[in-house]
N, C-alpha and C. Protein backbone atom coordinates (compact mmCIF):
# COMPACT_ATOMS: atom_id res chain seq x y z
N MET A 1 3.71 10.45 0.04
CA MET A 1 3.54 9.26 -1.10
C MET A 1 4.36 9.87 -2.09
N ALA A 2 5.12 8.77 -2.83
CA ALA A 2 5.94 9.15 -3.83
C ALA A 2 5.05 9.15 -5.27
N GLU A 3 5.34 10.17 -6.23
CA GLU A 3 4.61 10.25 -7.59
C GLU A 3 4.93 9.14 -8.34
N CYS A 4 4.01 8.88 -9.15
CA CYS A 4 4.40 8.00 -10.27
C CYS A 4 5.30 8.56 -11.37
N ARG A 5 6.20 7.62 -11.85
CA ARG A 5 7.07 8.15 -12.85
C ARG A 5 6.80 7.39 -14.25
N VAL A 6 5.69 7.74 -14.62
CA VAL A 6 4.92 7.16 -15.74
C VAL A 6 5.85 7.16 -16.98
N GLU A 7 6.63 8.62 -17.01
CA GLU A 7 7.30 8.48 -18.29
C GLU A 7 8.60 7.57 -18.40
N LYS A 8 9.22 7.60 -17.07
CA LYS A 8 10.32 6.60 -16.75
C LYS A 8 9.79 5.17 -17.10
N ASN A 9 8.87 4.83 -16.46
CA ASN A 9 8.28 3.41 -16.36
C ASN A 9 8.01 2.96 -17.98
N LEU A 10 7.31 4.01 -18.65
CA LEU A 10 7.15 3.60 -20.07
C LEU A 10 8.38 3.19 -20.96
N LYS A 11 9.38 3.87 -20.65
CA LYS A 11 10.82 3.49 -21.40
C LYS A 11 10.96 2.04 -21.05
N ARG A 12 10.87 1.43 -20.09
CA ARG A 12 11.09 0.06 -19.91
C ARG A 12 10.08 -0.97 -19.85
N CYS A 13 8.68 -0.58 -20.27
CA CYS A 13 7.66 -1.28 -20.30
C CYS A 13 7.41 -2.03 -21.61
N ASN A 14 7.50 -3.45 -21.37
CA ASN A 14 7.49 -4.20 -22.79
C ASN A 14 6.17 -4.67 -23.07
N CYS A 15 5.09 -4.34 -22.59
CA CYS A 15 3.60 -4.66 -22.71
C CYS A 15 3.22 -4.25 -24.15
N SER A 16 2.89 -5.28 -24.83
CA SER A 16 2.42 -5.01 -26.34
C SER A 16 0.90 -4.99 -26.62
N TRP A 17 0.18 -5.04 -25.46
CA TRP A 17 -1.28 -4.87 -25.59
C TRP A 17 -1.40 -3.32 -25.80
N GLU A 18 -1.96 -2.91 -26.92
CA GLU A 18 -2.03 -1.47 -27.17
C GLU A 18 -3.03 -0.75 -26.62
N PRO A 19 -4.40 -1.38 -26.34
CA PRO A 19 -5.36 -0.60 -25.75
C PRO A 19 -5.24 -0.41 -24.07
N CYS A 20 -4.03 -0.91 -23.63
CA CYS A 20 -3.86 -0.95 -22.16
C CYS A 20 -4.08 0.31 -21.48
N GLU A 21 -4.80 0.74 -20.78
CA GLU A 21 -4.61 2.09 -19.89
C GLU A 21 -3.71 2.11 -18.77
N ARG A 22 -3.09 0.98 -18.52
CA ARG A 22 -2.39 0.92 -17.14
C ARG A 22 -0.88 1.02 -17.51
N LYS A 23 -0.39 1.01 -18.79
CA LYS A 23 0.89 1.24 -19.27
C LYS A 23 1.68 2.40 -18.44
N GLY A 24 2.74 2.10 -17.87
CA GLY A 24 3.47 3.10 -17.22
C GLY A 24 3.09 3.15 -15.73
N ILE A 25 1.90 2.88 -15.35
CA ILE A 25 1.28 3.03 -13.96
C ILE A 25 1.53 1.62 -13.28
N CYS A 26 2.63 1.31 -12.97
CA CYS A 26 2.98 -0.17 -12.48
C CYS A 26 2.19 -0.64 -11.26
N CYS A 27 1.92 0.33 -10.48
CA CYS A 27 1.02 -0.20 -9.37
C CYS A 27 -0.39 -0.75 -9.74
N GLU A 28 -0.95 0.08 -10.72
CA GLU A 28 -2.33 -0.31 -11.19
C GLU A 28 -2.15 -1.61 -12.09
N CYS A 29 -1.06 -1.61 -12.87
CA CYS A 29 -0.97 -3.05 -13.76
C CYS A 29 -0.61 -4.16 -12.79
N LEU A 30 0.33 -4.03 -11.77
CA LEU A 30 0.30 -5.18 -11.02
C LEU A 30 -0.72 -5.65 -10.13
N ALA A 31 -1.74 -4.62 -9.65
CA ALA A 31 -2.83 -5.08 -8.99
C ALA A 31 -3.93 -5.58 -9.95
N TYR A 32 -3.96 -5.14 -11.15
CA TYR A 32 -4.79 -5.79 -12.29
C TYR A 32 -4.55 -7.13 -12.46
N HIS A 33 -3.20 -7.41 -12.96
CA HIS A 33 -2.88 -8.66 -13.27
C HIS A 33 -2.77 -9.80 -11.99
N TRP A 34 -2.52 -9.35 -10.91
CA TRP A 34 -2.40 -10.19 -9.70
C TRP A 34 -3.75 -10.59 -9.44
N SER A 35 -4.85 -9.76 -9.67
CA SER A 35 -6.06 -10.16 -9.37
C SER A 35 -6.71 -11.17 -10.34
N HIS A 36 -5.96 -11.47 -11.48
CA HIS A 36 -6.47 -12.46 -12.38
C HIS A 36 -5.43 -13.53 -12.39
N ARG A 37 -4.67 -13.68 -11.26
CA ARG A 37 -3.55 -14.66 -11.02
C ARG A 37 -2.57 -14.76 -12.11
N GLU A 38 -2.21 -13.48 -12.48
CA GLU A 38 -1.25 -13.14 -13.60
C GLU A 38 -0.14 -12.24 -12.95
N LEU A 39 1.06 -12.02 -13.84
CA LEU A 39 2.05 -11.37 -13.56
C LEU A 39 2.24 -10.09 -14.92
N PRO A 40 2.65 -8.78 -14.60
CA PRO A 40 2.63 -7.99 -15.67
C PRO A 40 3.54 -8.33 -16.73
N ALA A 41 3.48 -8.04 -18.06
CA ALA A 41 4.41 -8.07 -19.06
C ALA A 41 6.07 -8.00 -18.76
N CYS A 42 6.16 -6.95 -17.96
CA CYS A 42 7.57 -6.76 -17.73
C CYS A 42 8.29 -7.96 -16.78
N PHE A 43 7.43 -9.11 -16.47
CA PHE A 43 8.04 -10.07 -15.57
C PHE A 43 8.52 -11.26 -16.72
N PHE A 44 8.01 -11.01 -18.05
CA PHE A 44 8.42 -12.04 -19.09
C PHE A 44 9.30 -11.57 -20.11
N PRO A 45 10.20 -12.38 -20.73
CA PRO A 45 10.78 -11.89 -21.97
C PRO A 45 9.90 -11.64 -23.05
N ASP A 46 10.41 -10.68 -24.07
CA ASP A 46 9.61 -10.28 -24.95
C ASP A 46 8.85 -11.36 -25.93
N ASP A 47 9.55 -12.55 -26.17
CA ASP A 47 8.74 -13.41 -27.10
C ASP A 47 7.67 -14.18 -26.22
N ILE A 48 7.87 -14.31 -25.09
CA ILE A 48 6.90 -14.73 -24.30
C ILE A 48 5.57 -13.82 -24.12
N GLU A 49 6.01 -12.64 -23.76
CA GLU A 49 5.04 -11.61 -23.45
C GLU A 49 4.03 -11.29 -24.65
N LYS A 50 4.59 -11.48 -25.66
CA LYS A 50 3.79 -11.37 -26.93
C LYS A 50 2.72 -12.50 -27.26
N THR A 51 2.66 -13.48 -26.33
CA THR A 51 1.89 -14.44 -26.64
C THR A 51 0.44 -14.31 -25.66
N TYR A 52 0.68 -13.25 -24.53
CA TYR A 52 -0.31 -12.94 -23.82
C TYR A 52 -0.59 -13.88 -22.64
N ASN A 53 0.26 -14.83 -22.62
CA ASN A 53 0.16 -15.92 -21.47
C ASN A 53 1.01 -15.23 -20.30
N ARG A 54 0.40 -14.73 -19.31
CA ARG A 54 1.04 -13.98 -18.28
C ARG A 54 0.68 -14.74 -16.89
N SER A 55 0.32 -15.99 -17.02
CA SER A 55 -0.11 -16.81 -16.05
C SER A 55 1.15 -17.07 -15.05
N LEU A 56 0.76 -17.48 -13.82
CA LEU A 56 1.85 -17.80 -12.70
C LEU A 56 2.59 -19.16 -13.43
N GLU A 57 1.75 -19.96 -13.84
CA GLU A 57 1.99 -21.26 -14.35
C GLU A 57 3.33 -21.21 -15.33
N LYS A 58 2.94 -20.19 -16.27
CA LYS A 58 4.02 -19.79 -17.37
C LYS A 58 5.25 -19.35 -16.82
N PHE A 59 5.10 -18.29 -15.98
CA PHE A 59 6.38 -17.62 -15.07
C PHE A 59 7.09 -18.75 -14.65
N ILE A 60 6.46 -19.69 -13.80
CA ILE A 60 7.37 -20.74 -13.08
C ILE A 60 8.02 -21.75 -14.25
N GLU A 61 7.26 -21.84 -15.20
CA GLU A 61 7.86 -22.89 -16.39
C GLU A 61 9.09 -22.04 -16.91
N ILE A 62 8.93 -20.81 -17.28
CA ILE A 62 10.08 -20.26 -17.87
C ILE A 62 11.36 -20.21 -16.86
N TYR A 63 11.13 -19.75 -15.49
CA TYR A 63 12.05 -19.32 -14.66
C TYR A 63 12.67 -20.75 -13.77
N ARG A 64 11.88 -21.83 -13.67
CA ARG A 64 12.15 -22.94 -12.95
C ARG A 64 13.46 -23.13 -12.92
N ASN A 65 14.32 -23.43 -14.09
CA ASN A 65 15.63 -23.96 -14.07
C ASN A 65 16.69 -22.90 -14.42
N LYS A 66 16.27 -21.67 -14.49
CA LYS A 66 17.15 -20.69 -14.78
C LYS A 66 17.86 -20.32 -13.54
N LYS A 67 19.42 -20.12 -13.69
CA LYS A 67 20.11 -19.45 -12.69
C LYS A 67 20.84 -18.17 -12.94
């Protein structure tokens, strides 16, 4: 099994939730958000991420008409 590349992941993580213990641990972050019918911060543009609306509905709304 591959080792987690936490330091590399942190360089591209745009999560602004400061007490998050999953930052840089993408598999845990994805599992957590998916269990809440959400997507992680990295799926959203920075301005939307800062609203903390990580819902599937918001993701679809943003990307529905983008090409």
